[in-house]
PDB file of N, CA and C in Angstrom:
ATOM      1  N   MET A   1      40.264  85.765 128.550  1.00  0.00           N
ATOM      2  CA  MET A   1      41.676  85.573 128.673  1.00  0.00           C
ATOM      3  C   MET A   1      41.939  84.413 129.631  1.00  0.00           C
ATOM      4  N   ASP A   2      42.857  83.560 129.265  1.00  0.00           N
ATOM      5  CA  ASP A   2      43.210  82.392 130.070  1.00  0.00           C
ATOM      6  C   ASP A   2      43.980  82.815 131.314  1.00  0.00           C
ATOM      7  N   ALA A   3      43.483  82.423 132.508  1.00  0.00           N
ATOM      8  CA  ALA A   3      44.113  82.819 133.776  1.00  0.00           C
ATOM      9  C   ALA A   3      45.524  82.270 133.922  1.00  0.00           C
ATOM     10  N   SER A   4      45.813  81.136 133.272  1.00  0.00           N
ATOM     11  CA  SER A   4      47.149  80.537 133.393  1.00  0.00           C
ATOM     12  C   SER A   4      48.216  81.388 132.705  1.00  0.00           C
ATOM     13  N   LYS A   5      47.816  82.229 131.732  1.00  0.00           N
ATOM     14  CA  LYS A   5      48.763  83.108 131.044  1.00  0.00           C
ATOM     15  C   LYS A   5      49.209  84.262 131.936  1.00  0.00           C
ATOM     16  N   LEU A   6      48.430  84.591 132.942  1.00  0.00           N
ATOM     17  CA  LEU A   6      48.793  85.675 133.853  1.00  0.00           C
ATOM     18  C   LEU A   6      49.765  85.234 134.931  1.00  0.00           C
ATOM     19  N   LEU A   7      49.942  83.920 135.104  1.00  0.00           N
ATOM     20  CA  LEU A   7      50.803  83.407 136.139  1.00  0.00           C
ATOM     21  C   LEU A   7      52.252  83.372 135.666  1.00  0.00           C
ATOM     22  N   SER A   8      53.147  83.695 136.557  1.00  0.00           N
ATOM     23  CA  SER A   8      54.582  83.613 136.282  1.00  0.00           C
ATOM     24  C   SER A   8      55.194  82.622 137.234  1.00  0.00           C
ATOM     25  N   LYS A   9      56.167  81.902 136.747  1.00  0.00           N
ATOM     26  CA  LYS A   9      56.872  80.925 137.585  1.00  0.00           C
ATOM     27  C   LYS A   9      58.140  81.539 138.110  1.00  0.00           C
ATOM     28  N   ILE A  10      58.325  81.478 139.434  1.00  0.00           N
ATOM     29  CA  ILE A  10      59.565  81.971 140.054  1.00  0.00           C
ATOM     30  C   ILE A  10      60.083  80.877 140.976  1.00  0.00           C
ATOM     31  N   ILE A  11      61.373  80.931 141.238  1.00  0.00           N
ATOM     32  CA  ILE A  11      62.015  79.971 142.151  1.00  0.00           C
ATOM     33  C   ILE A  11      62.658  80.747 143.277  1.00  0.00           C
ATOM     34  N   ILE A  12      62.295  80.406 144.496  1.00  0.00           N
ATOM     35  CA  ILE A  12      62.852  81.038 145.686  1.00  0.00           C
ATOM     36  C   ILE A  12      63.390  79.904 146.583  1.00  0.00           C
ATOM     37  N   ASP A  13      64.685  79.949 146.856  1.00  0.00           N
ATOM     38  CA  ASP A  13      65.336  78.927 147.686  1.00  0.00           C
ATOM     39  C   ASP A  13      65.021  77.519 147.183  1.00  0.00           C
ATOM     40  N   ASP A  14      65.175  77.324 145.881  1.00  0.00           N
ATOM     41  CA  ASP A  14      64.984  76.013 145.227  1.00  0.00           C
ATOM     42  C   ASP A  14      63.545  75.519 145.279  1.00  0.00           C
ATOM     43  N   THR A  15      62.596  76.382 145.601  1.00  0.00           N
ATOM     44  CA  THR A  15      61.194  75.996 145.630  1.00  0.00           C
ATOM     45  C   THR A  15      60.465  76.767 144.550  1.00  0.00           C
ATOM     46  N   PRO A  16      59.837  76.059 143.579  1.00  0.00           N
ATOM     47  CA  PRO A  16      59.106  76.756 142.511  1.00  0.00           C
ATOM     48  C   PRO A  16      57.740  77.250 142.985  1.00  0.00           C
ATOM     49  N   TYR A  17      57.377  78.444 142.549  1.00  0.00           N
ATOM     50  CA  TYR A  17      56.094  79.041 142.864  1.00  0.00           C
ATOM     51  C   TYR A  17      55.463  79.595 141.602  1.00  0.00           C
ATOM     52  N   GLU A  18      54.147  79.671 141.589  1.00  0.00           N
ATOM     53  CA  GLU A  18      53.428  80.365 140.521  1.00  0.00           C
ATOM     54  C   GLU A  18      52.711  81.543 141.172  1.00  0.00           C
ATOM     55  N   THR A  19      52.855  82.708 140.537  1.00  0.00           N
ATOM     56  CA  THR A  19      52.268  83.922 141.106  1.00  0.00           C
ATOM     57  C   THR A  19      51.910  84.889 139.990  1.00  0.00           C
ATOM     58  N   ARG A  20      51.126  85.879 140.308  1.00  0.00           N
ATOM     59  CA  ARG A  20      50.797  86.943 139.380  1.00  0.00           C
ATOM     60  C   ARG A  20      51.725  88.121 139.687  1.00  0.00           C
ATOM     61  N   LEU A  21      52.419  88.620 138.683  1.00  0.00           N
ATOM     62  CA  LEU A  21      53.322  89.764 138.865  1.00  0.00           C
ATOM     63  C   LEU A  21      52.629  91.016 138.336  1.00  0.00           C
ATOM     64  N   THR A  22      52.733  92.083 139.083  1.00  0.00           N
ATOM     65  CA  THR A  22      52.114  93.355 138.649  1.00  0.00           C
ATOM     66  C   THR A  22      52.949  93.994 137.542  1.00  0.00           C
ATOM     67  N   LYS A  23      52.332  94.889 136.788  1.00  0.00           N
ATOM     68  CA  LYS A  23      53.037  95.594 135.724  1.00  0.00           C
ATOM     69  C   LYS A  23      54.169  96.417 136.313  1.00  0.00           C
ATOM     70  N   LYS A  24      53.928  97.020 137.483  1.00  0.00           N
ATOM     71  CA  LYS A  24      54.947  97.819 138.150  1.00  0.00           C
ATOM     72  C   LYS A  24      56.162  96.960 138.471  1.00  0.00           C
ATOM     73  N   PHE A  25      55.942  95.756 138.949  1.00  0.00           N
ATOM     74  CA  PHE A  25      57.041  94.846 139.296  1.00  0.00           C
ATOM     75  C   PHE A  25      57.796  94.427 138.017  1.00  0.00           C
ATOM     76  N   ILE A  26      57.108  94.154 136.959  1.00  0.00           N
ATOM     77  CA  ILE A  26      57.741  93.722 135.718  1.00  0.00           C
ATOM     78  C   ILE A  26      58.591  94.827 135.129  1.00  0.00           C
ATOM     79  N   LYS A  27      58.144  96.101 135.242  1.00  0.00           N
ATOM     80  CA  LYS A  27      58.857  97.231 134.647  1.00  0.00           C
ATOM     81  C   LYS A  27      59.912  97.850 135.569  1.00  0.00           C
ATOM     82  N   ARG A  28      60.088  97.276 136.762  1.00  0.00           N
ATOM     83  CA  ARG A  28      61.042  97.833 137.728  1.00  0.00           C
ATOM     84  C   ARG A  28      62.468  97.836 137.160  1.00  0.00           C
ATOM     85  N   LYS A  29      63.292  98.758 137.695  1.00  0.00           N
ATOM     86  CA  LYS A  29      64.690  98.808 137.300  1.00  0.00           C
ATOM     87  C   LYS A  29      65.412  97.674 138.007  1.00  0.00           C
ATOM     88  N   PRO A  30      66.282  96.964 137.316  1.00  0.00           N
ATOM     89  CA  PRO A  30      67.013  95.882 137.969  1.00  0.00           C
ATOM     90  C   PRO A  30      67.980  96.449 139.008  1.00  0.00           C
ATOM     91  N   TYR A  31      68.198  95.695 140.065  1.00  0.00           N
ATOM     92  CA  TYR A  31      69.123  96.107 141.125  1.00  0.00           C
ATOM     93  C   TYR A  31      70.553  96.114 140.580  1.00  0.00           C
ATOM     94  N   ILE A  32      71.262  97.192 140.834  1.00  0.00           N
ATOM     95  CA  ILE A  32      72.656  97.305 140.445  1.00  0.00           C
ATOM     96  C   ILE A  32      73.440  97.583 141.720  1.00  0.00           C
ATOM     97  N   GLU A  33      74.396  96.724 142.002  1.00  0.00           N
ATOM     98  CA  GLU A  33      75.186  96.894 143.195  1.00  0.00           C
ATOM     99  C   GLU A  33      75.966  98.218 143.133  1.00  0.00           C
ATOM    100  N   ALA A  34      75.993  98.931 144.255  1.00  0.00           N
ATOM    101  CA  ALA A  34      76.671 100.222 144.308  1.00  0.00           C
ATOM    102  C   ALA A  34      78.174 100.048 144.049  1.00  0.00           C
ATOM    103  N   ASP A  35      78.705 100.921 143.216  1.00  0.00           N
ATOM    104  CA  ASP A  35      80.132 100.916 142.911  1.00  0.00           C
ATOM    105  C   ASP A  35      80.793 102.093 143.637  1.00  0.00           C
ATOM    106  N   PRO A  36      81.622 101.821 144.651  1.00  0.00           N
ATOM    107  CA  PRO A  36      82.219 102.929 145.420  1.00  0.00           C
ATOM    108  C   PRO A  36      83.155 103.800 144.595  1.00  0.00           C
ATOM    109  N   LYS A  37      83.511 103.358 143.394  1.00  0.00           N
ATOM    110  CA  LYS A  37      84.405 104.137 142.537  1.00  0.00           C
ATOM    111  C   LYS A  37      83.628 105.158 141.687  1.00  0.00           C
ATOM    112  N   LYS A  38      82.325 105.151 141.763  1.00  0.00           N
ATOM    113  CA  LYS A  38      81.491 106.110 141.046  1.00  0.00           C
ATOM    114  C   LYS A  38      80.749 106.958 142.060  1.00  0.00           C
ATOM    115  N   ILE A  39      80.886 108.279 141.907  1.00  0.00           N
ATOM    116  CA  ILE A  39      80.240 109.204 142.834  1.00  0.00           C
ATOM    117  C   ILE A  39      79.106 109.916 142.106  1.00  0.00           C
ATOM    118  N   PHE A  40      77.911 109.755 142.640  1.00  0.00           N
ATOM    119  CA  PHE A  40      76.697 110.307 142.032  1.00  0.00           C
ATOM    120  C   PHE A  40      76.145 111.453 142.863  1.00  0.00           C
ATOM    121  N   ALA A  41      75.364 112.323 142.228  1.00  0.00           N
ATOM    122  CA  ALA A  41      74.698 113.413 142.936  1.00  0.00           C
ATOM    123  C   ALA A  41      73.594 112.815 143.815  1.00  0.00           C
ATOM    124  N   PHE A  42      73.585 113.175 145.090  1.00  0.00           N
ATOM    125  CA  PHE A  42      72.600 112.641 146.001  1.00  0.00           C
ATOM    126  C   PHE A  42      71.362 113.535 146.085  1.00  0.00           C
ATOM    127  N   ILE A  43      71.445 114.701 145.449  1.00  0.00           N
ATOM    128  CA  ILE A  43      70.357 115.676 145.432  1.00  0.00           C
ATOM    129  C   ILE A  43      70.543 116.586 144.197  1.00  0.00           C
ATOM    130  N   PRO A  44      69.483 117.067 143.579  1.00  0.00           N
ATOM    131  CA  PRO A  44      69.656 117.975 142.445  1.00  0.00           C
ATOM    132  C   PRO A  44      70.228 119.316 142.920  1.00  0.00           C
ATOM    133  N   GLY A  45      71.035 119.926 142.090  1.00  0.00           N
ATOM    134  CA  GLY A  45      71.621 121.210 142.466  1.00  0.00           C
ATOM    135  C   GLY A  45      72.589 121.746 141.424  1.00  0.00           C
ATOM    136  N   ILE A  46      73.453 122.668 141.846  1.00  0.00           N
ATOM    137  CA  ILE A  46      74.420 123.305 140.946  1.00  0.00           C
ATOM    138  C   ILE A  46      75.815 123.079 141.505  1.00  0.00           C
ATOM    139  N   ILE A  47      76.751 122.687 140.648  1.00  0.00           N
ATOM    140  CA  ILE A  47      78.135 122.515 141.047  1.00  0.00           C
ATOM    141  C   ILE A  47      78.763 123.894 141.182  1.00  0.00           C
ATOM    142  N   THR A  48      79.169 124.264 142.389  1.00  0.00           N
ATOM    143  CA  THR A  48      79.742 125.601 142.600  1.00  0.00           C
ATOM    144  C   THR A  48      81.264 125.585 142.597  1.00  0.00           C
ATOM    145  N   GLU A  49      81.852 124.417 142.887  1.00  0.00           N
ATOM    146  CA  GLU A  49      83.315 124.325 142.927  1.00  0.00           C
ATOM    147  C   GLU A  49      83.748 122.878 142.742  1.00  0.00           C
ATOM    148  N   ILE A  50      84.773 122.684 141.928  1.00  0.00           N
ATOM    149  CA  ILE A  50      85.387 121.374 141.747  1.00  0.00           C
ATOM    150  C   ILE A  50      86.804 121.482 142.316  1.00  0.00           C
ATOM    151  N   LYS A  51      87.124 120.670 143.301  1.00  0.00           N
ATOM    152  CA  LYS A  51      88.381 120.787 144.031  1.00  0.00           C
ATOM    153  C   LYS A  51      89.444 119.800 143.594  1.00  0.00           C
ATOM    154  N   VAL A  52      89.162 118.974 142.579  1.00  0.00           N
ATOM    155  CA  VAL A  52      90.129 117.976 142.103  1.00  0.00           C
ATOM    156  C   VAL A  52      90.282 118.074 140.602  1.00  0.00           C
ATOM    157  N   TYR A  53      91.253 117.367 140.065  1.00  0.00           N
ATOM    158  CA  TYR A  53      91.465 117.293 138.606  1.00  0.00           C
ATOM    159  C   TYR A  53      91.735 115.840 138.235  1.00  0.00           C
ATOM    160  N   GLU A  54      91.537 115.519 136.969  1.00  0.00           N
ATOM    161  CA  GLU A  54      91.753 114.143 136.501  1.00  0.00           C
ATOM    162  C   GLU A  54      93.199 113.748 136.698  1.00  0.00           C
ATOM    163  N   GLY A  55      93.379 112.528 137.197  1.00  0.00           N
ATOM    164  CA  GLY A  55      94.723 111.990 137.445  1.00  0.00           C
ATOM    165  C   GLY A  55      95.241 112.285 138.834  1.00  0.00           C
ATOM    166  N   GLN A  56      94.561 113.128 139.581  1.00  0.00           N
ATOM    167  CA  GLN A  56      95.006 113.483 140.924  1.00  0.00           C
ATOM    168  C   GLN A  56      94.831 112.339 141.907  1.00  0.00           C
ATOM    169  N   LYS A  57      95.837 112.113 142.767  1.00  0.00           N
ATOM    170  CA  LYS A  57      95.708 111.145 143.842  1.00  0.00           C
ATOM    171  C   LYS A  57      94.832 111.778 144.918  1.00  0.00           C
ATOM    172  N   ILE A  58      93.953 110.975 145.494  1.00  0.00           N
ATOM    173  CA  ILE A  58      93.001 111.479 146.490  1.00  0.00           C
ATOM    174  C   ILE A  58      92.872 110.478 147.614  1.00  0.00           C
ATOM    175  N   SER A  59      92.638 110.973 148.814  1.00  0.00           N
ATOM    176  CA  SER A  59      92.495 110.076 149.955  1.00  0.00           C
ATOM    177  C   SER A  59      91.069 110.129 150.495  1.00  0.00           C
ATOM    178  N   ARG A  60      90.740 109.118 151.257  1.00  0.00           N
ATOM    179  CA  ARG A  60      89.391 108.974 151.830  1.00  0.00           C
ATOM    180  C   ARG A  60      89.074 110.199 152.682  1.00  0.00           C
ATOM    181  N   GLY A  61      87.897 110.772 152.484  1.00  0.00           N
ATOM    182  CA  GLY A  61      87.447 111.931 153.250  1.00  0.00           C
ATOM    183  C   GLY A  61      87.854 113.271 152.670  1.00  0.00           C
ATOM    184  N   GLN A  62      88.686 113.256 151.632  1.00  0.00           N
ATOM    185  CA  GLN A  62      89.093 114.518 150.998  1.00  0.00           C
ATOM    186  C   GLN A  62      87.945 115.093 150.208  1.00  0.00           C
ATOM    187  N   SER A  63      87.801 116.406 150.227  1.00  0.00           N
ATOM    188  CA  SER A  63      86.735 117.096 149.506  1.00  0.00           C
ATOM    189  C   SER A  63      86.959 117.007 148.003  1.00  0.00           C
ATOM    190  N   ILE A  64      85.907 116.645 147.265  1.00  0.00           N
ATOM    191  CA  ILE A  64      85.960 116.530 145.810  1.00  0.00           C
ATOM    192  C   ILE A  64      85.300 117.723 145.133  1.00  0.00           C
ATOM    193  N   LEU A  65      84.130 118.109 145.603  1.00  0.00           N
ATOM    194  CA  LEU A  65      83.398 119.212 144.999  1.00  0.00           C
ATOM    195  C   LEU A  65      82.376 119.785 145.968  1.00  0.00           C
ATOM    196  N   ILE A  66      81.824 120.917 145.599  1.00  0.00           N
ATOM    197  CA  ILE A  66      80.745 121.551 146.369  1.00  0.00           C
ATOM    198  C   ILE A  66      79.511 121.569 145.494  1.00  0.00           C
ATOM    199  N   LEU A  67      78.402 121.044 146.048  1.00  0.00           N
ATOM    200  CA  LEU A  67      77.131 120.979 145.349  1.00  0.00           C
ATOM    201  C   LEU A  67      76.134 121.867 146.097  1.00  0.00           C
ATOM    202  N   GLU A  68      75.668 122.911 145.445  1.00  0.00           N
ATOM    203  CA  GLU A  68      74.687 123.808 146.058  1.00  0.00           C
ATOM    204  C   GLU A  68      73.300 123.327 145.761  1.00  0.00           C
ATOM    205  N   ALA A  69      72.537 123.131 146.837  1.00  0.00           N
ATOM    206  CA  ALA A  69      71.154 122.692 146.684  1.00  0.00           C
ATOM    207  C   ALA A  69      70.309 123.337 147.768  1.00  0.00           C
ATOM    208  N   MET A  70      69.204 123.950 147.404  1.00  0.00           N
ATOM    209  CA  MET A  70      68.304 124.605 148.332  1.00  0.00           C
ATOM    210  C   MET A  70      69.042 125.606 149.224  1.00  0.00           C
ATOM    211  N   LYS A  71      69.878 126.417 148.607  1.00  0.00           N
ATOM    212  CA  LYS A  71      70.644 127.485 149.274  1.00  0.00           C
ATOM    213  C   LYS A  71      71.644 126.947 150.304  1.00  0.00           C
ATOM    214  N   MET A  72      71.979 125.665 150.209  1.00  0.00           N
ATOM    215  CA  MET A  72      72.981 125.080 151.117  1.00  0.00           C
ATOM    216  C   MET A  72      74.134 124.546 150.291  1.00  0.00           C
ATOM    217  N   LEU A  73      75.350 124.708 150.811  1.00  0.00           N
ATOM    218  CA  LEU A  73      76.543 124.211 150.155  1.00  0.00           C
ATOM    219  C   LEU A  73      76.872 122.821 150.731  1.00  0.00           C
ATOM    220  N   ASN A  74      76.785 121.782 149.896  1.00  0.00           N
ATOM    221  CA  ASN A  74      77.049 120.416 150.306  1.00  0.00           C
ATOM    222  C   ASN A  74      78.408 119.981 149.826  1.00  0.00           C
ATOM    223  N   GLU A  75      79.284 119.624 150.731  1.00  0.00           N
ATOM    224  CA  GLU A  75      80.625 119.183 150.384  1.00  0.00           C
ATOM    225  C   GLU A  75      80.577 117.682 150.108  1.00  0.00           C
ATOM    226  N   VAL A  76      80.978 117.287 148.909  1.00  0.00           N
ATOM    227  CA  VAL A  76      81.032 115.881 148.526  1.00  0.00           C
ATOM    228  C   VAL A  76      82.439 115.402 148.769  1.00  0.00           C
ATOM    229  N   LYS A  77      82.562 114.351 149.593  1.00  0.00           N
ATOM    230  CA  LYS A  77      83.894 113.822 149.971  1.00  0.00           C
ATOM    231  C   LYS A  77      84.151 112.466 149.331  1.00  0.00           C
ATOM    232  N   CYS A  78      85.416 112.161 149.206  1.00  0.00           N
ATOM    233  CA  CYS A  78      85.842 110.898 148.593  1.00  0.00           C
ATOM    234  C   CYS A  78      85.587 109.723 149.541  1.00  0.00           C
ATOM    235  N   PRO A  79      84.965 108.638 149.061  1.00  0.00           N
ATOM    236  CA  PRO A  79      84.651 107.509 149.936  1.00  0.00           C
ATOM    237  C   PRO A  79      85.827 106.560 150.141  1.00  0.00           C
ATOM    238  N   MET A  80      86.915 106.702 149.381  1.00  0.00           N
ATOM    239  CA  MET A  80      88.033 105.757 149.474  1.00  0.00           C
ATOM    240  C   MET A  80      89.308 106.390 148.914  1.00  0.00           C
ATOM    241  N   ASP A  81      90.444 105.811 149.177  1.00  0.00           N
ATOM    242  CA  ASP A  81      91.698 106.265 148.589  1.00  0.00           C
ATOM    243  C   ASP A  81      91.712 105.872 147.118  1.00  0.00           C
ATOM    244  N   GLY A  82      92.319 106.690 146.288  1.00  0.00           N
ATOM    245  CA  GLY A  82      92.388 106.358 144.869  1.00  0.00           C
ATOM    246  C   GLY A  82      92.935 107.502 144.035  1.00  0.00           C
ATOM    247  N   ARG A  83      92.564 107.464 142.762  1.00  0.00           N
ATOM    248  CA  ARG A  83      92.992 108.470 141.791  1.00  0.00           C
ATOM    249  C   ARG A  83      91.766 108.848 140.966  1.00  0.00           C
ATOM    250  N   ILE A  84      91.657 110.122 140.637  1.00  0.00           N
ATOM    251  CA  ILE A  84      90.501 110.599 139.837  1.00  0.00           C
ATOM    252  C   ILE A  84      90.663 110.106 138.405  1.00  0.00           C
ATOM    253  N   LYS A  85      89.721 109.286 137.966  1.00  0.00           N
ATOM    254  CA  LYS A  85      89.750 108.748 136.606  1.00  0.00           C
ATOM    255  C   LYS A  85      89.087 109.702 135.635  1.00  0.00           C
ATOM    256  N   ALA A  86      87.911 110.226 136.002  1.00  0.00           N
ATOM    257  CA  ALA A  86      87.177 111.124 135.106  1.00  0.00           C
ATOM    258  C   ALA A  86      86.264 112.037 135.917  1.00  0.00           C
ATOM    259  N   ILE A  87      86.131 113.282 135.436  1.00  0.00           N
ATOM    260  CA  ILE A  87      85.204 114.239 136.027  1.00  0.00           C
ATOM    261  C   ILE A  87      84.147 114.506 134.953  1.00  0.00           C
ATOM    262  N   HIS A  88      82.905 114.204 135.280  1.00  0.00           N
ATOM    263  CA  HIS A  88      81.826 114.264 134.295  1.00  0.00           C
ATOM    264  C   HIS A  88      80.984 115.549 134.379  1.00  0.00           C
ATOM    265  N   ILE A  89      81.417 116.514 135.184  1.00  0.00           N
ATOM    266  CA  ILE A  89      80.662 117.735 135.351  1.00  0.00           C
ATOM    267  C   ILE A  89      81.591 118.944 135.226  1.00  0.00           C
ATOM    268  N   LYS A  90      80.981 120.118 135.142  1.00  0.00           N
ATOM    269  CA  LYS A  90      81.748 121.375 135.058  1.00  0.00           C
ATOM    270  C   LYS A  90      81.222 122.336 136.089  1.00  0.00           C
ATOM    271  N   LYS A  91      82.001 123.315 136.431  1.00  0.00           N
ATOM    272  CA  LYS A  91      81.586 124.335 137.393  1.00  0.00           C
ATOM    273  C   LYS A  91      80.355 125.065 136.835  1.00  0.00           C
ATOM    274  N   SER A  92      79.418 125.369 137.699  1.00  0.00           N
ATOM    275  CA  SER A  92      78.152 126.067 137.400  1.00  0.00           C
ATOM    276  C   SER A  92      77.151 125.183 136.646  1.00  0.00           C
ATOM    277  N   GLN A  93      77.437 123.905 136.507  1.00  0.00           N
ATOM    278  CA  GLN A  93      76.509 122.987 135.818  1.00  0.00           C
ATOM    279  C   GLN A  93      75.422 122.554 136.780  1.00  0.00           C
ATOM    280  N   MET A  94      74.178 122.485 136.261  1.00  0.00           N
ATOM    281  CA  MET A  94      73.075 121.921 137.041  1.00  0.00           C
ATOM    282  C   MET A  94      73.121 120.411 136.902  1.00  0.00           C
ATOM    283  N   VAL A  95      72.918 119.718 138.012  1.00  0.00           N
ATOM    284  CA  VAL A  95      72.898 118.251 137.989  1.00  0.00           C
ATOM    285  C   VAL A  95      71.591 117.752 138.591  1.00  0.00           C
ATOM    286  N   VAL A  96      71.194 116.566 138.186  1.00  0.00           N
ATOM    287  CA  VAL A  96      69.983 115.929 138.697  1.00  0.00           C
ATOM    288  C   VAL A  96      70.379 114.834 139.682  1.00  0.00           C
ATOM    289  N   LYS A  97      69.450 114.447 140.523  1.00  0.00           N
ATOM    290  CA  LYS A  97      69.706 113.380 141.470  1.00  0.00           C
ATOM    291  C   LYS A  97      70.101 112.114 140.721  1.00  0.00           C
ATOM    292  N   GLY A  98      71.165 111.460 141.152  1.00  0.00           N
ATOM    293  CA  GLY A  98      71.611 110.223 140.531  1.00  0.00           C
ATOM    294  C   GLY A  98      72.556 110.403 139.370  1.00  0.00           C
ATOM    295  N   GLN A  99      72.869 111.629 138.991  1.00  0.00           N
ATOM    296  CA  GLN A  99      73.785 111.890 137.886  1.00  0.00           C
ATOM    297  C   GLN A  99      75.220 111.582 138.295  1.00  0.00           C
ATOM    298  N   LEU A 100      75.968 110.920 137.411  1.00  0.00           N
ATOM    299  CA  LEU A 100      77.374 110.584 137.681  1.00  0.00           C
ATOM    300  C   LEU A 100      78.207 111.860 137.666  1.00  0.00           C
ATOM    301  N   LEU A 101      78.964 112.085 138.763  1.00  0.00           N
ATOM    302  CA  LEU A 101      79.764 113.275 138.894  1.00  0.00           C
ATOM    303  C   LEU A 101      81.236 112.984 138.647  1.00  0.00           C
ATOM    304  N   VAL A 102      81.793 112.000 139.368  1.00  0.00           N
ATOM    305  CA  VAL A 102      83.209 111.708 139.321  1.00  0.00           C
ATOM    306  C   VAL A 102      83.403 110.186 139.387  1.00  0.00           C
ATOM    307  N   GLU A 103      84.447 109.710 138.648  1.00  0.00           N
ATOM    308  CA  GLU A 103      84.839 108.315 138.714  1.00  0.00           C
ATOM    309  C   GLU A 103      86.242 108.212 139.280  1.00  0.00           C
ATOM    310  N   LEU A 104      86.460 107.187 140.095  1.00  0.00           N
ATOM    311  CA  LEU A 104      87.775 106.918 140.643  1.00  0.00           C
ATOM    312  C   LEU A 104      88.388 105.671 139.995  1.00  0.00           C
ATOM    313  N   GLU A 105      89.715 105.579 140.022  1.00  0.00           N
ATOM    314  CA  GLU A 105      90.384 104.371 139.481  1.00  0.00           C
ATOM    315  C   GLU A 105      90.494 103.372 140.611  1.00  0.00           C
TER     316      GLU A 105
END
């Protein structure tokens, strides 16, 4: 196998480089900037209570839902003022880490 085929060209601060990229690096998930209007589960668990409804005005710090994980009740609070655009979960639903729970307008 030709060694030149394993090299990849990248540019950092307007300077071109040739390097070998690992398979893990090539298959990595692209970085996505965090959207404060989307609230995700920070830990797997069960939704025990939903305290808001779609269309409701909500203020920063207001409780949105309760997520039970490892026998602890975790209160998920709103990160900003806004209005509830969509609720993607139901009471008693199991959620996984990173699952979208609520969207704000």
